[in-house]
């Protein structure tokens, strides 16, 4: 009997792992949006980031986006790229979480920036990794775009400073 139960749990676990793997994985998808190849398009409602290829496709990544009231829409550009960046909580985050330190070192497991970050011109926002991977796919941030660490590292290697970023509904 215990072998049968173990087999059932093993099958359920394998099925669940397969579902999670495909739901979380970046993938190449058809994409027609009229933006230049190499651009980044973030769909807040889908909680997806698209890196536009030049052949009618894009690489689609799951992301976390701003909570209601913390979202922004429009166009920005990447103005900096950083590996394992240190993080200083913005004033609003510090006000909501007064026990946060003023600086969290890069590489710390407590650093919400994760493995890499690409800052966006004109504000306090960034596309970055996370120390809370369970938040990816949700409305979780103060306006930043959170990615799985392996995905932000992949994107980091594909974009340059100056890349246009379009934040859409």
C-alpha atoms as a PDB file:
ATOM      1  CA  UNK A   1       0.000   0.000   0.000  1.00  0.00           C
ATOM      2  CA  UNK A   2       2.761   2.489   0.889  1.00  0.00           C
ATOM      3  CA  UNK A   3       4.404   1.862  -2.498  1.00  0.00           C
ATOM      4  CA  UNK A   4       1.150   2.713  -4.267  1.00  0.00           C
ATOM      5  CA  UNK A   5       0.719   5.916  -2.229  1.00  0.00           C
ATOM      6  CA  UNK A   6       4.315   6.881  -2.937  1.00  0.00           C
ATOM      7  CA  UNK A   7       3.756   6.236  -6.639  1.00  0.00           C
ATOM      8  CA  UNK A   8       0.638   8.429  -6.618  1.00  0.00           C
ATOM      9  CA  UNK A   9       2.468  11.240  -4.840  1.00  0.00           C
ATOM     10  CA  UNK A  10       5.388  10.834  -7.214  1.00  0.00           C
ATOM     11  CA  UNK A  11       3.084  11.103 -10.224  1.00  0.00           C
ATOM     12  CA  UNK A  12       1.289  14.118  -8.760  1.00  0.00           C
ATOM     13  CA  UNK A  13       4.620  15.763  -7.977  1.00  0.00           C
ATOM     14  CA  UNK A  14       5.913  15.142 -11.487  1.00  0.00           C
ATOM     15  CA  UNK A  15       2.730  16.565 -12.992  1.00  0.00           C
ATOM     16  CA  UNK A  16       2.898  19.608 -10.729  1.00  0.00           C
ATOM     17  CA  UNK A  17       6.561  20.159 -11.522  1.00  0.00           C
ATOM     18  CA  UNK A  18       5.773  19.984 -15.230  1.00  0.00           C
ATOM     19  CA  UNK A  19       2.979  22.514 -14.882  1.00  0.00           C
ATOM     20  CA  UNK A  20       5.071  24.908 -12.844  1.00  0.00           C
ATOM     21  CA  UNK A  21       8.033  24.567 -15.144  1.00  0.00           C
ATOM     22  CA  UNK A  22       6.087  25.552 -18.245  1.00  0.00           C
ATOM     23  CA  UNK A  23       4.155  28.314 -16.477  1.00  0.00           C
ATOM     24  CA  UNK A  24       7.318  29.892 -15.132  1.00  0.00           C
ATOM     25  CA  UNK A  25       9.614  29.450 -18.111  1.00  0.00           C
ATOM     26  CA  UNK A  26      10.543  32.156 -20.573  1.00  0.00           C
ATOM     27  CA  UNK A  27       9.460  31.244 -24.067  1.00  0.00           C
ATOM     28  CA  UNK A  28       9.465  32.567 -27.617  1.00  0.00           C
ATOM     29  CA  UNK A  29       5.968  33.617 -28.718  1.00  0.00           C
ATOM     30  CA  UNK A  30       4.375  35.343 -31.701  1.00  0.00           C
ATOM     31  CA  UNK A  31       4.347  39.101 -31.077  1.00  0.00           C
ATOM     32  CA  UNK A  32       3.130  41.963 -33.255  1.00  0.00           C
ATOM     33  CA  UNK A  33       3.125  45.325 -31.486  1.00  0.00           C
ATOM     34  CA  UNK A  34       4.778  47.745 -33.897  1.00  0.00           C
ATOM     35  CA  UNK A  35       7.738  48.525 -31.637  1.00  0.00           C
ATOM     36  CA  UNK A  36      11.337  48.246 -32.760  1.00  0.00           C
ATOM     37  CA  UNK A  37      13.229  44.971 -32.377  1.00  0.00           C
ATOM     38  CA  UNK A  38      15.232  44.963 -29.163  1.00  0.00           C
ATOM     39  CA  UNK A  39      12.550  46.926 -27.303  1.00  0.00           C
ATOM     40  CA  UNK A  40      10.999  45.721 -24.060  1.00  0.00           C
ATOM     41  CA  UNK A  41       7.201  45.724 -23.660  1.00  0.00           C
ATOM     42  CA  UNK A  42       5.696  45.055 -20.233  1.00  0.00           C
ATOM     43  CA  UNK A  43       2.010  44.148 -20.011  1.00  0.00           C
ATOM     44  CA  UNK A  44       0.796  44.942 -16.502  1.00  0.00           C
ATOM     45  CA  UNK A  45      -2.502  43.071 -16.935  1.00  0.00           C
ATOM     46  CA  UNK A  46      -0.734  39.937 -18.214  1.00  0.00           C
ATOM     47  CA  UNK A  47       2.188  40.305 -15.799  1.00  0.00           C
ATOM     48  CA  UNK A  48       4.538  39.504 -18.667  1.00  0.00           C
ATOM     49  CA  UNK A  49       7.626  41.164 -20.119  1.00  0.00           C
ATOM     50  CA  UNK A  50       8.322  40.805 -23.843  1.00  0.00           C
ATOM     51  CA  UNK A  51      11.724  41.321 -25.452  1.00  0.00           C
ATOM     52  CA  UNK A  52      10.861  42.002 -29.081  1.00  0.00           C
ATOM     53  CA  UNK A  53      12.773  40.042 -31.730  1.00  0.00           C
ATOM     54  CA  UNK A  54      12.990  41.197 -35.344  1.00  0.00           C
ATOM     55  CA  UNK A  55      11.021  38.298 -36.820  1.00  0.00           C
ATOM     56  CA  UNK A  56       7.478  38.750 -35.467  1.00  0.00           C
ATOM     57  CA  UNK A  57       8.318  37.015 -32.201  1.00  0.00           C
ATOM     58  CA  UNK A  58       9.327  38.003 -28.698  1.00  0.00           C
ATOM     59  CA  UNK A  59      10.829  36.312 -25.696  1.00  0.00           C
ATOM     60  CA  UNK A  60       8.132  36.313 -23.017  1.00  0.00           C
ATOM     61  CA  UNK A  61       9.083  36.322 -19.341  1.00  0.00           C
ATOM     62  CA  UNK A  62       6.742  36.147 -16.325  1.00  0.00           C
ATOM     63  CA  UNK A  63       7.106  39.162 -14.014  1.00  0.00           C
ATOM     64  CA  UNK A  64       5.680  40.797 -10.917  1.00  0.00           C
ATOM     65  CA  UNK A  65       4.397  44.334 -11.410  1.00  0.00           C
ATOM     66  CA  UNK A  66       3.242  47.187  -9.198  1.00  0.00           C
ATOM     67  CA  UNK A  67       0.372  46.720  -6.805  1.00  0.00           C
ATOM     68  CA  UNK A  68      -2.796  48.705  -7.543  1.00  0.00           C
ATOM     69  CA  UNK A  69      -1.998  52.360  -6.957  1.00  0.00           C
ATOM     70  CA  UNK A  70       1.732  51.723  -7.466  1.00  0.00           C
ATOM     71  CA  UNK A  71       1.647  51.035 -11.203  1.00  0.00           C
ATOM     72  CA  UNK A  72       2.944  53.351 -13.889  1.00  0.00           C
ATOM     73  CA  UNK A  73       2.445  53.405 -17.632  1.00  0.00           C
ATOM     74  CA  UNK A  74       4.413  54.979 -20.439  1.00  0.00           C
ATOM     75  CA  UNK A  75       7.845  54.844 -21.984  1.00  0.00           C
ATOM     76  CA  UNK A  76      11.270  54.808 -20.381  1.00  0.00           C
ATOM     77  CA  UNK A  77      14.730  53.618 -21.310  1.00  0.00           C
ATOM     78  CA  UNK A  78      17.312  51.534 -19.524  1.00  0.00           C
ATOM     79  CA  UNK A  79      19.907  53.917 -18.094  1.00  0.00           C
ATOM     80  CA  UNK A  80      22.017  51.512 -16.036  1.00  0.00           C
ATOM     81  CA  UNK A  81      22.877  47.817 -15.702  1.00  0.00           C
ATOM     82  CA  UNK A  82      24.115  46.307 -12.445  1.00  0.00           C
ATOM     83  CA  UNK A  83      25.052  42.815 -11.259  1.00  0.00           C
ATOM     84  CA  UNK A  84      24.090  41.973  -7.642  1.00  0.00           C
ATOM     85  CA  UNK A  85      23.383  45.632  -6.835  1.00  0.00           C
ATOM     86  CA  UNK A  86      23.155  47.045  -3.327  1.00  0.00           C
ATOM     87  CA  UNK A  87      19.713  48.454  -2.490  1.00  0.00           C
ATOM     88  CA  UNK A  88      18.630  51.529  -0.562  1.00  0.00           C
ATOM     89  CA  UNK A  89      14.886  51.500   0.109  1.00  0.00           C
ATOM     90  CA  UNK A  90      13.103  54.505  -1.430  1.00  0.00           C
ATOM     91  CA  UNK A  91      11.390  56.849   1.043  1.00  0.00           C
ATOM     92  CA  UNK A  92       7.921  55.338   0.447  1.00  0.00           C
ATOM     93  CA  UNK A  93       9.164  51.793   1.064  1.00  0.00           C
ATOM     94  CA  UNK A  94      11.070  52.917   4.159  1.00  0.00           C
ATOM     95  CA  UNK A  95       7.969  54.698   5.482  1.00  0.00           C
ATOM     96  CA  UNK A  96       5.905  51.513   5.056  1.00  0.00           C
ATOM     97  CA  UNK A  97       8.697  49.306   6.464  1.00  0.00           C
ATOM     98  CA  UNK A  98      10.602  51.442   9.000  1.00  0.00           C
ATOM     99  CA  UNK A  99      12.677  48.494  10.271  1.00  0.00           C
ATOM    100  CA  UNK A 100      14.431  48.115   6.920  1.00  0.00           C
ATOM    101  CA  UNK A 101      18.098  49.117   7.002  1.00  0.00           C
ATOM    102  CA  UNK A 102      19.169  52.120   4.942  1.00  0.00           C
ATOM    103  CA  UNK A 103      21.303  49.884   2.719  1.00  0.00           C
ATOM    104  CA  UNK A 104      21.243  46.171   1.911  1.00  0.00           C
ATOM    105  CA  UNK A 105      24.440  44.855   0.351  1.00  0.00           C
ATOM    106  CA  UNK A 106      24.384  43.301  -3.089  1.00  0.00           C
ATOM    107  CA  UNK A 107      24.310  39.528  -2.950  1.00  0.00           C
ATOM    108  CA  UNK A 108      22.594  39.483   0.447  1.00  0.00           C
ATOM    109  CA  UNK A 109      19.653  37.054   0.652  1.00  0.00           C
ATOM    110  CA  UNK A 110      17.685  39.990   2.118  1.00  0.00           C
ATOM    111  CA  UNK A 111      18.298  42.185  -0.941  1.00  0.00           C
ATOM    112  CA  UNK A 112      15.130  42.406  -3.070  1.00  0.00           C
ATOM    113  CA  UNK A 113      17.077  43.369  -6.212  1.00  0.00           C
ATOM    114  CA  UNK A 114      18.238  39.811  -6.779  1.00  0.00           C
ATOM    115  CA  UNK A 115      20.946  38.819  -9.236  1.00  0.00           C
ATOM    116  CA  UNK A 116      20.851  41.892 -11.488  1.00  0.00           C
ATOM    117  CA  UNK A 117      19.031  45.149 -12.139  1.00  0.00           C
ATOM    118  CA  UNK A 118      18.435  47.459 -15.054  1.00  0.00           C
ATOM    119  CA  UNK A 119      17.423  50.926 -13.894  1.00  0.00           C
ATOM    120  CA  UNK A 120      14.929  52.995 -15.848  1.00  0.00           C
ATOM    121  CA  UNK A 121      15.521  56.664 -16.651  1.00  0.00           C
ATOM    122  CA  UNK A 122      13.252  59.247 -15.098  1.00  0.00           C
ATOM    123  CA  UNK A 123      12.317  57.567 -11.845  1.00  0.00           C
ATOM    124  CA  UNK A 124      13.084  55.154  -9.043  1.00  0.00           C
ATOM    125  CA  UNK A 125      12.027  52.090 -11.028  1.00  0.00           C
ATOM    126  CA  UNK A 126      14.033  49.128 -12.263  1.00  0.00           C
ATOM    127  CA  UNK A 127      13.672  45.748 -13.896  1.00  0.00           C
ATOM    128  CA  UNK A 128      15.364  43.427 -11.420  1.00  0.00           C
ATOM    129  CA  UNK A 129      15.608  39.963  -9.948  1.00  0.00           C
ATOM    130  CA  UNK A 130      14.072  39.075  -6.619  1.00  0.00           C
ATOM    131  CA  UNK A 131      14.647  37.394  -3.296  1.00  0.00           C
ATOM    132  CA  UNK A 132      10.936  36.455  -3.322  1.00  0.00           C
ATOM    133  CA  UNK A 133      10.410  34.294  -6.424  1.00  0.00           C
ATOM    134  CA  UNK A 134       6.873  33.413  -5.307  1.00  0.00           C
ATOM    135  CA  UNK A 135       5.886  37.036  -6.032  1.00  0.00           C
ATOM    136  CA  UNK A 136       6.589  36.660  -9.775  1.00  0.00           C
ATOM    137  CA  UNK A 137       3.297  36.573 -11.648  1.00  0.00           C
ATOM    138  CA  UNK A 138       1.562  38.831  -9.111  1.00  0.00           C
ATOM    139  CA  UNK A 139       0.887  42.494  -8.387  1.00  0.00           C
ATOM    140  CA  UNK A 140       3.523  42.873  -5.679  1.00  0.00           C
ATOM    141  CA  UNK A 141       5.891  45.818  -6.039  1.00  0.00           C
ATOM    142  CA  UNK A 142       6.005  49.567  -5.566  1.00  0.00           C
ATOM    143  CA  UNK A 143       6.305  49.916  -9.351  1.00  0.00           C
ATOM    144  CA  UNK A 144       9.439  47.968 -10.200  1.00  0.00           C
ATOM    145  CA  UNK A 145       9.364  44.916 -12.443  1.00  0.00           C
ATOM    146  CA  UNK A 146      10.480  41.745 -10.654  1.00  0.00           C
ATOM    147  CA  UNK A 147      11.783  38.733 -12.531  1.00  0.00           C
ATOM    148  CA  UNK A 148      13.073  35.316 -11.598  1.00  0.00           C
ATOM    149  CA  UNK A 149      16.818  35.668 -11.091  1.00  0.00           C
ATOM    150  CA  UNK A 150      17.642  33.321 -13.980  1.00  0.00           C
ATOM    151  CA  UNK A 151      15.370  35.385 -16.248  1.00  0.00           C
ATOM    152  CA  UNK A 152      16.787  38.770 -15.240  1.00  0.00           C
ATOM    153  CA  UNK A 153      20.287  37.426 -15.931  1.00  0.00           C
ATOM    154  CA  UNK A 154      19.102  36.247 -19.360  1.00  0.00           C
ATOM    155  CA  UNK A 155      17.462  39.608 -20.147  1.00  0.00           C
ATOM    156  CA  UNK A 156      20.499  41.509 -18.816  1.00  0.00           C
ATOM    157  CA  UNK A 157      22.663  39.812 -21.432  1.00  0.00           C
ATOM    158  CA  UNK A 158      20.252  40.684 -24.255  1.00  0.00           C
ATOM    159  CA  UNK A 159      19.645  44.421 -23.666  1.00  0.00           C
ATOM    160  CA  UNK A 160      21.834  47.508 -23.582  1.00  0.00           C
ATOM    161  CA  UNK A 161      21.738  50.880 -21.886  1.00  0.00           C
ATOM    162  CA  UNK A 162      19.357  52.927 -24.049  1.00  0.00           C
ATOM    163  CA  UNK A 163      16.918  50.055 -24.701  1.00  0.00           C
ATOM    164  CA  UNK A 164      13.351  51.419 -24.861  1.00  0.00           C
ATOM    165  CA  UNK A 165      10.856  50.060 -22.334  1.00  0.00           C
ATOM    166  CA  UNK A 166       7.099  50.369 -22.889  1.00  0.00           C
ATOM    167  CA  UNK A 167       4.847  49.848 -19.873  1.00  0.00           C
ATOM    168  CA  UNK A 168       1.329  49.029 -21.089  1.00  0.00           C
ATOM    169  CA  UNK A 169      -1.976  48.129 -19.492  1.00  0.00           C
END
